Amino acid sequence: MELTNLNHNFVGTPVSIRSSSVSFVYSIRIGIVGYGKLGQYLVEQLMNEGTKYRLDLAFIWNRTALNEETRSKILIRCPLVKFLNALEQIKEIDFVDLIVEVCHPDIVKQYAELFLDKADFLIGSPTALADPEFAQTLTNKLSTSQHRMFVARGALWGANDIQMMARRNRLQNVEITIAFHPRSLRLNDAKLCELNDDLIKQQESMLGEDNQPKPLILYEGPARELCQIAPNNANTVATAALLGVGFDHTIGKLISDASLCDFHRIEIIVRGKPTIDDKQFRVELNRQSPTHSAHNVSSLHTYDCFWHSILHCTGSYIRANNLEIQVY
C-alpha cells in the first residue's frame, strides 16, 4: 500500500548501463531496520532470492548488535552489506533505495524523516501512525520529499478491497478482531498486563487437563486507542484504519486466548454504505494463520506478506516474470 502519490522516479529502478567494455544491471539496494524473527526472514530471502529479483542487501540495523558468526554468514552471501551500530549512520550509506522497518513503532516515529531523506520507506509498524501529531509531521515531510512511503499490508486479508471501497466512498465501517495467545501479547497498559498474566497462570495451572481458560476480551473500541495499548500486535488494525475509515471509526477488538498455541486469529467485518433501497454490502472473514510458537508476534503467512510487499514496492515481480498478472 503506497501512502502517497507523489511524482517520483523510483530510485534504483534497474537500468542497463553500457559502454564499449562494460554492461551491467543495477540492483535495488534494501536496508533492513530490525533483526528479530521477521527481519531475519527478510534478510534470508534477500540472500536466497535477491539475485533473481535484482535486489541486494544494503545494511542491517538491530537494537543489539549481531554477533560475529551471524555477520560472517551474511557477508559471505552479501559482501557489500553494512552493519550499523546507530541509525544515524544511514546518512553515510552511499546507495540505498528502500528502507524496510520491522521492529517497533517508536523507531518509525524517531527516524521516519531521516529514512525519507535517504530512500523510499516501507513501514512495518503502522501503529505509529495512530499518533495524530506524528501522522501530521509525516504528511508534511512527504509533501516535500522526493521519496515515497509504503505501508506493508501484513496480515490484513482483503486490504485492496477495503481501500477500493473507501476511495469510492462506499465504505461504512470496518471491525477487526485480533486474537493471540497471551504470551504473544506486548501490552502497554498495566491493568491489561495483569489480566493477561493471570490468564497465563490459569493456563499453567491447568496443564494436562482437557479444559482451557476462557478467552479474555482485553479491549474493544476505536482503533486509535488499541494501537497505543498493543502497538506490536495491532498493526493489522492500523493498516485497515489507514486504508478505510480512519483510526477513530475503525473498531478493534483484542482477545487473549490460551488455546491459540500455534495460530493467530483475525476476524474482519466490512460493511458498505446502505443503498437507496436499504440493502447493504457485507463481508465477514476469519483468518487462521499458523505460528512457530505461542510467543510469536507475527504468523508465518505474515512473513511471506512482507516479502511480497518488498517485491511489490520495488516492481521486482514484474521484472522477474514478464507474464506476471497484475491485479488492480
Foldseek 3Di string as FASTA:
>chain_A
DWLDDDDADQPQQWDWDDDPVDTDITAAEEEEEADDPLSVLLLVCCLVCVVLLRYAYAEYEHQDFDDPVVVVVSCVRHVNYYYDDDPVCLVVRPHHAEYEYDDFLVCCLVCVLVRLQHYEYEYAQLLVCLPVVSVVVVVVSVVPTNYTYHYFLQPQPCLVVQLVCQVVQFFDAKEKEKEAALLQFDFPDPVLVVVSVVQVVQQVVQPPHPDHDDKDWSDKAFQSVVCVGTSLQCRNQSSSQSSHVHRRGYIYIYIHDNVPFFWMKMWMWTWTDADPVRDIDIDIDIDIATDPGRNHSHGPVSSVSVSVVVCVVSVSVCVSDVPDDDDD
